[in-house]
Amino acid sequence: MVRTRLYRDGALAAEGFPIADVSDHLEDPSATVWFDLCSPPPEKLAVISEELGLHPLAIEDVLHPHQRPKLDIYESHLFIVAYAVRLGDDTGSLGFSEVSMFVTRNALVTVRSDEAFDIDAVAARWDASPGLAKHGVSYLLHSLLDYIVDGHFDVAQALDDRVEELEDTLFTDHPGNGRGIQRRMFDLRRTTVRFRRVVVPMREVVNGLMRPDLRVVQPDMAPYYQDIYDHVLRVSEWTESLRELVGNVHETHLNLQGYRMNDIMKRVTSWAAIIAVPTMITGFYGQNIPYPGFGQSAGFWTSTLLILVASAILYVVFRLRDWI
């Protein structure tokens, strides 16, 4: 499905018109055209390339997805790749929607990799601020990038919450939770790394758009792009801190495992020492030679008393040292 819009002198003039009419509208310097494609076939991209004079390398990048977020500058247009991110219910479930953008003087073309990216939400943002529509492509591109970066913020916040939950789980003495925590840490660390790959390059993209020589950002729109850039920096720094937090959680988990292992060994050793006392005494009284109380009931009661007293003394000593 193709969605099209025509803005003329800052007002929405038409929408839903065929792509074949795009070239006619672009002849009007007061017109701004946007149209959106979702997973278009190569034939349709070839038609658009002829209509707008797009570079073959940019078309090739669209046909070969999973590009790095970037800004390519061509003679007649700009080519931008960005990713909308969504976090699933599972810790390691991170979904990406690749959005390619062709930016000309008075046209914006968006090519989505799938339907998961809500282009209607972007159009709603355009409709919410009709006063800024007079800035043409500069405004349309701003709202699109702002929507994508806001999605990055939401994912960063959700990841931060999950890291906090994992930190709280570390100190619960629930038997058998070690393997589950390790799996969650692995998934969370992998998700954070994947998220970082699409967030950090956005700094170069937004910063490149703000270059005066490109003349993409009009002076009145410069503060809005600066706001996006600030948000991109905050998300990038947040992502870096999340990666460090996950690493700290992993180290803490290993330290706690070592502490618990030492505590278990200490307790087992203490009980072994207590058990060794009656073993020693019964072994002594089991000799095949006469000893005081040999063959008499007094010998039995003496050995039993020694076992109880010595075991009680060891138990009290270990208990005072918190070894048991």
Protein backbone atom coordinates (compact mmCIF):
# COMPACT_ATOMS: atom_id res chain seq x y z
CA MET A 1 0.00 0.00 0.00
CA VAL A 2 1.25 3.48 -0.91
CA ARG A 3 0.37 6.54 1.15
CA THR A 4 0.81 10.00 -0.30
CA ARG A 5 0.37 13.55 0.92
CA LEU A 6 0.71 16.95 -0.69
CA TYR A 7 1.36 20.12 1.30
CA ARG A 8 1.11 23.47 -0.43
CA ASP A 9 2.12 26.69 1.33
CA GLY A 10 2.11 24.88 4.68
CA ALA A 11 -1.38 23.40 4.35
CA LEU A 12 -2.44 19.85 3.55
CA ALA A 13 -3.77 20.08 0.00
CA ALA A 14 -4.29 16.45 -1.00
CA GLU A 15 -3.56 12.88 0.01
CA GLY A 16 -3.97 9.43 -1.45
CA PHE A 17 -3.00 10.47 -4.98
CA PRO A 18 -1.05 8.11 -7.30
CA ILE A 19 2.73 8.11 -7.33
CA ALA A 20 2.62 8.92 -11.04
CA ASP A 21 1.40 12.41 -10.09
CA VAL A 22 4.40 13.10 -7.84
CA SER A 23 6.59 14.56 -10.57
CA ASP A 24 3.80 16.96 -11.57
CA HIS A 25 3.45 18.23 -8.00
CA LEU A 26 7.20 18.64 -7.56
CA GLU A 27 7.27 21.17 -10.41
CA ASP A 28 5.46 23.55 -8.06
CA PRO A 29 8.08 25.19 -5.75
CA SER A 30 5.43 25.80 -3.09
CA ALA A 31 4.52 22.10 -2.89
CA THR A 32 5.92 19.50 -0.51
CA VAL A 33 5.27 15.84 -1.24
CA TRP A 34 5.48 12.83 1.04
CA PHE A 35 4.77 9.27 0.14
CA ASP A 36 5.35 6.04 2.01
CA LEU A 37 6.07 2.53 0.80
CA CYS A 38 6.08 -0.69 2.78
CA SER A 39 8.34 -3.50 1.50
CA PRO A 40 8.10 -2.34 -2.11
CA PRO A 41 9.26 -4.61 -4.95
CA PRO A 42 12.29 -3.58 -7.02
CA GLU A 43 10.07 -2.56 -9.93
CA LYS A 44 8.26 0.06 -7.87
CA LEU A 45 11.53 1.40 -6.49
CA ALA A 46 12.80 1.74 -10.04
CA VAL A 47 9.78 3.88 -10.93
CA ILE A 48 10.37 6.11 -7.89
CA SER A 49 14.04 6.40 -8.76
CA GLU A 50 13.12 7.70 -12.20
CA GLU A 51 10.54 10.10 -10.78
CA LEU A 52 12.94 11.68 -8.25
CA GLY A 53 16.33 10.94 -9.78
CA LEU A 54 17.53 8.81 -6.86
CA HIS A 55 21.03 7.40 -6.79
CA PRO A 56 21.39 3.68 -7.66
CA LEU A 57 23.48 3.02 -4.55
CA ALA A 58 20.69 4.33 -2.33
CA ILE A 59 18.18 2.09 -4.10
CA GLU A 60 20.55 -0.83 -3.63
CA ASP A 61 20.71 -0.15 0.11
CA VAL A 62 16.92 -0.28 0.31
CA LEU A 63 16.83 -3.59 -1.54
CA HIS A 64 19.46 -5.04 0.84
CA PRO A 65 18.11 -4.46 4.36
CA HIS A 66 19.93 -4.52 7.72
CA GLN A 67 21.98 -1.48 6.89
CA ARG A 68 23.77 0.45 9.58
CA PRO A 69 21.97 3.67 10.64
CA LYS A 70 23.56 6.31 8.45
CA LEU A 71 23.27 9.49 6.44
CA ASP A 72 24.47 9.40 2.83
CA ILE A 73 24.78 12.63 0.88
CA TYR A 74 24.18 12.57 -2.87
CA GLU A 75 24.06 15.39 -5.35
CA SER A 76 20.28 15.52 -5.68
CA HIS A 77 19.10 14.07 -2.39
CA LEU A 78 19.95 12.64 1.02
CA PHE A 79 19.53 9.04 2.04
CA ILE A 80 18.89 8.16 5.69
CA VAL A 81 18.57 4.80 7.39
CA ALA A 82 17.13 4.57 10.91
CA TYR A 83 15.54 1.87 13.03
CA ALA A 84 12.39 1.93 15.11
CA VAL A 85 12.82 -0.41 18.07
CA ARG A 86 10.26 -2.26 20.17
CA LEU A 87 10.84 -4.47 23.20
CA GLY A 88 8.83 -7.65 23.64
CA ASP A 89 7.69 -9.34 26.81
CA ASP A 90 10.78 -11.54 26.90
CA THR A 91 14.08 -10.06 28.03
CA GLY A 92 15.82 -11.02 24.79
CA SER A 93 12.97 -10.08 22.46
CA LEU A 94 13.92 -6.93 20.57
CA GLY A 95 12.19 -6.07 17.31
CA PHE A 96 13.50 -3.70 14.64
CA SER A 97 11.76 -1.91 11.81
CA GLU A 98 14.13 -0.46 9.25
CA VAL A 99 13.04 2.89 7.84
CA SER A 100 14.79 4.29 4.78
CA MET A 101 14.28 7.95 3.91
CA PHE A 102 14.96 9.84 0.70
CA VAL A 103 15.10 13.58 1.28
CA THR A 104 14.99 16.10 -1.56
CA ARG A 105 14.33 19.82 -1.59
CA ASN A 106 10.56 19.41 -1.54
CA ALA A 107 9.94 15.67 -1.19
CA LEU A 108 10.23 13.05 1.55
CA VAL A 109 10.01 9.36 0.71
CA THR A 110 9.83 6.76 3.47
CA VAL A 111 10.37 3.06 2.81
CA ARG A 112 9.45 0.74 5.68
CA SER A 113 10.70 -2.81 6.01
CA ASP A 114 7.45 -4.05 7.60
CA GLU A 115 4.06 -3.00 8.91
CA ALA A 116 5.26 -3.00 12.52
CA PHE A 117 6.34 0.62 12.18
CA ASP A 118 3.26 2.75 12.85
CA ILE A 119 3.34 5.37 10.12
CA ASP A 120 -0.13 6.54 11.18
CA ALA A 121 1.37 7.78 14.45
CA VAL A 122 3.85 9.87 12.48
CA ALA A 123 1.07 11.32 10.34
CA ALA A 124 -0.84 12.15 13.52
CA ARG A 125 2.14 14.17 14.73
CA TRP A 126 2.16 16.12 11.49
CA ASP A 127 -1.53 16.87 11.90
CA ALA A 128 -1.03 17.90 15.54
CA SER A 129 1.25 20.82 14.57
CA PRO A 130 -0.12 22.26 11.33
CA GLY A 131 1.56 25.59 12.02
CA LEU A 132 5.00 24.06 11.43
CA ALA A 133 4.01 22.46 8.13
CA LYS A 134 5.11 25.62 6.35
CA HIS A 135 8.70 24.45 6.82
CA GLY A 136 8.06 21.63 4.37
CA VAL A 137 10.45 18.70 4.29
CA SER A 138 12.37 20.04 7.27
CA TYR A 139 9.28 19.67 9.46
CA LEU A 140 8.17 16.31 8.06
CA LEU A 141 11.61 14.82 8.60
CA HIS A 142 11.79 16.23 12.12
CA SER A 143 8.53 14.60 13.21
CA LEU A 144 9.58 11.27 11.73
CA LEU A 145 12.97 11.25 13.46
CA ASP A 146 11.44 12.51 16.69
CA TYR A 147 8.98 9.61 16.69
CA ILE A 148 11.80 7.10 16.15
CA VAL A 149 13.98 8.59 18.91
CA ASP A 150 11.04 8.69 21.33
CA GLY A 151 10.67 4.95 20.72
CA HIS A 152 14.33 4.52 21.64
CA PHE A 153 13.63 6.35 24.89
CA ASP A 154 10.79 3.97 25.72
CA VAL A 155 12.96 0.92 25.10
CA ALA A 156 15.81 2.34 27.19
CA GLN A 157 13.41 2.96 30.07
CA ALA A 158 12.02 -0.58 29.82
CA LEU A 159 15.53 -2.06 29.78
CA ASP A 160 16.47 0.03 32.80
CA ASP A 161 13.44 -1.31 34.69
CA ARG A 162 14.39 -4.87 33.84
CA VAL A 163 17.95 -4.33 35.04
CA GLU A 164 16.58 -3.06 38.37
CA GLU A 165 14.35 -6.14 38.65
CA LEU A 166 17.35 -8.34 37.98
CA GLU A 167 19.36 -6.52 40.66
CA ASP A 168 16.59 -7.16 43.20
CA THR A 169 16.44 -10.83 42.21
CA LEU A 170 20.15 -11.31 42.93
CA PHE A 171 19.66 -11.03 46.68
CA THR A 172 16.72 -13.42 46.99
CA ASP A 173 17.74 -16.70 48.61
CA HIS A 174 15.57 -18.84 46.39
CA PRO A 175 17.12 -22.26 45.76
CA GLY A 176 17.76 -23.07 42.14
CA ASN A 177 17.35 -19.52 40.82
CA GLY A 178 20.99 -19.28 39.70
CA ARG A 179 20.45 -20.74 36.22
CA GLY A 180 17.40 -18.54 35.60
CA ILE A 181 19.30 -15.41 36.61
CA GLN A 182 22.19 -16.33 34.35
CA ARG A 183 19.82 -16.78 31.41
CA ARG A 184 18.14 -13.45 32.07
CA MET A 185 21.52 -11.71 32.35
CA PHE A 186 22.68 -13.21 29.07
CA ASP A 187 19.48 -12.20 27.26
CA LEU A 188 19.54 -8.72 28.75
CA ARG A 189 23.18 -8.18 27.84
CA ARG A 190 22.60 -9.37 24.26
CA THR A 191 19.54 -7.12 23.96
CA THR A 192 21.47 -4.12 25.24
CA VAL A 193 24.27 -4.71 22.73
CA ARG A 194 21.81 -5.02 19.84
CA PHE A 195 19.99 -1.90 21.00
CA ARG A 196 23.26 0.04 21.19
CA ARG A 197 24.06 -0.77 17.56
CA VAL A 198 21.04 1.17 16.32
CA VAL A 199 21.11 3.98 18.89
CA VAL A 200 24.70 5.19 18.91
CA PRO A 201 24.99 5.83 15.11
CA MET A 202 21.95 8.12 15.31
CA ARG A 203 24.22 10.80 16.76
CA GLU A 204 26.05 11.01 13.45
CA VAL A 205 22.80 11.01 11.49
CA VAL A 206 21.15 13.90 13.36
CA ASN A 207 24.36 15.85 13.68
CA GLY A 208 24.96 15.50 9.94
CA LEU A 209 21.49 16.79 9.12
CA MET A 210 22.20 19.96 11.08
CA ARG A 211 25.12 20.90 8.83
CA PRO A 212 24.44 24.37 7.35
CA ASP A 213 25.79 23.43 3.93
CA LEU A 214 23.09 20.76 3.46
CA ARG A 215 20.30 23.31 3.89
CA VAL A 216 17.95 20.64 5.13
CA VAL A 217 17.17 22.23 8.47
CA GLN A 218 15.62 25.67 8.15
CA PRO A 219 16.67 28.25 10.77
CA ASP A 220 13.28 28.15 12.49
CA MET A 221 13.50 24.36 12.74
CA ALA A 222 17.06 24.31 14.11
CA PRO A 223 15.97 24.29 17.79
CA TYR A 224 13.71 21.30 17.11
CA TYR A 225 16.53 19.32 15.54
CA GLN A 226 18.80 20.32 18.40
CA ASP A 227 16.20 18.88 20.76
CA ILE A 228 16.28 15.59 18.85
CA TYR A 229 20.06 15.60 19.02
CA ASP A 230 19.95 16.10 22.80
CA HIS A 231 17.54 13.18 23.09
CA VAL A 232 19.80 11.01 20.95
CA LEU A 233 22.76 11.85 23.19
CA ARG A 234 20.77 11.00 26.30
CA VAL A 235 19.65 7.66 24.90
CA SER A 236 23.21 6.85 23.81
CA GLU A 237 24.59 7.64 27.26
CA TRP A 238 21.73 5.72 28.87
CA THR A 239 22.53 2.70 26.71
CA GLU A 240 26.19 2.83 27.69
CA SER A 241 25.25 2.95 31.37
CA LEU A 242 22.85 0.04 30.89
CA ARG A 243 25.63 -2.05 29.42
CA GLU A 244 27.83 -1.24 32.41
CA LEU A 245 24.98 -2.02 34.80
CA VAL A 246 24.41 -5.43 33.23
CA GLY A 247 28.15 -6.10 33.52
CA ASN A 248 28.08 -5.08 37.19
CA VAL A 249 25.09 -7.34 37.80
CA HIS A 250 27.01 -10.21 36.21
CA GLU A 251 30.06 -9.59 38.40
CA THR A 252 27.88 -9.26 41.49
CA HIS A 253 26.18 -12.53 40.66
CA LEU A 254 29.54 -14.29 40.38
CA ASN A 255 30.71 -12.79 43.68
CA LEU A 256 27.49 -13.87 45.41
CA GLN A 257 27.89 -17.36 44.02
CA GLY A 258 31.43 -17.49 45.40
CA TYR A 259 30.23 -16.19 48.76
CA ARG A 260 27.43 -18.74 48.94
CA MET A 261 29.82 -21.52 47.99
CA ASN A 262 32.23 -20.48 50.73
CA ASP A 263 29.37 -20.29 53.19
CA ILE A 264 28.21 -23.79 52.23
CA MET A 265 31.72 -25.19 52.51
CA LYS A 266 32.12 -23.53 55.90
CA ARG A 267 28.90 -25.09 57.18
CA VAL A 268 29.71 -28.52 55.77
CA THR A 269 33.19 -28.39 57.33
CA SER A 270 31.75 -27.38 60.70
CA TRP A 271 29.31 -30.27 60.73
CA ALA A 272 32.08 -32.63 59.60
CA ALA A 273 34.18 -31.48 62.56
CA ILE A 274 31.28 -32.16 64.93
CA ILE A 275 30.71 -35.61 63.45
CA ALA A 276 34.42 -36.37 63.68
CA VAL A 277 34.30 -36.12 67.50
CA PRO A 278 31.97 -39.08 68.14
CA THR A 279 33.80 -41.01 65.44
CA MET A 280 37.07 -40.44 67.25
CA ILE A 281 35.68 -41.35 70.66
CA THR A 282 33.85 -44.47 69.49
CA GLY A 283 36.95 -45.49 67.59
CA PHE A 284 39.05 -45.09 70.72
CA TYR A 285 36.66 -47.19 72.77
CA GLY A 286 36.56 -49.76 70.05
CA GLN A 287 40.19 -50.81 70.65
CA ASN A 288 40.87 -54.47 71.38
CA ILE A 289 42.94 -53.64 74.48
CA PRO A 290 41.83 -52.99 78.07
CA TYR A 291 41.20 -49.37 78.97
CA PRO A 292 39.54 -47.61 81.93
CA GLY A 293 35.92 -48.80 82.00
CA PHE A 294 36.59 -51.70 79.59
CA GLY A 295 33.77 -54.23 79.76
CA GLN A 296 31.81 -52.09 82.20
CA SER A 297 28.70 -49.90 81.86
CA ALA A 298 30.71 -46.94 83.18
CA GLY A 299 32.81 -47.01 80.04
CA PHE A 300 29.72 -46.68 77.86
CA TRP A 301 28.37 -43.74 79.84
CA THR A 302 31.76 -42.05 79.89
CA SER A 303 32.14 -42.27 76.11
CA THR A 304 28.57 -41.06 75.57
CA LEU A 305 29.15 -38.11 77.89
CA LEU A 306 32.39 -37.22 76.10
CA ILE A 307 30.59 -37.30 72.74
CA LEU A 308 27.79 -35.02 73.91
CA VAL A 309 30.03 -32.53 75.71
CA ALA A 310 32.61 -32.28 72.92
CA SER A 311 29.94 -31.99 70.18
CA ALA A 312 28.07 -29.31 72.16
CA ILE A 313 31.27 -27.31 72.71
CA LEU A 314 32.12 -27.42 68.99
CA TYR A 315 28.55 -26.49 68.04
CA VAL A 316 28.57 -23.46 70.37
CA VAL A 317 31.98 -22.32 69.12
CA PHE A 318 30.97 -22.62 65.44
CA ARG A 319 27.64 -20.96 66.13
CA LEU A 320 29.33 -17.99 67.79
CA ARG A 321 31.55 -17.58 64.73
CA ASP A 322 28.52 -17.88 62.44
CA TRP A 323 29.90 -20.97 60.75
CA ILE A 324 26.65 -22.85 61.25
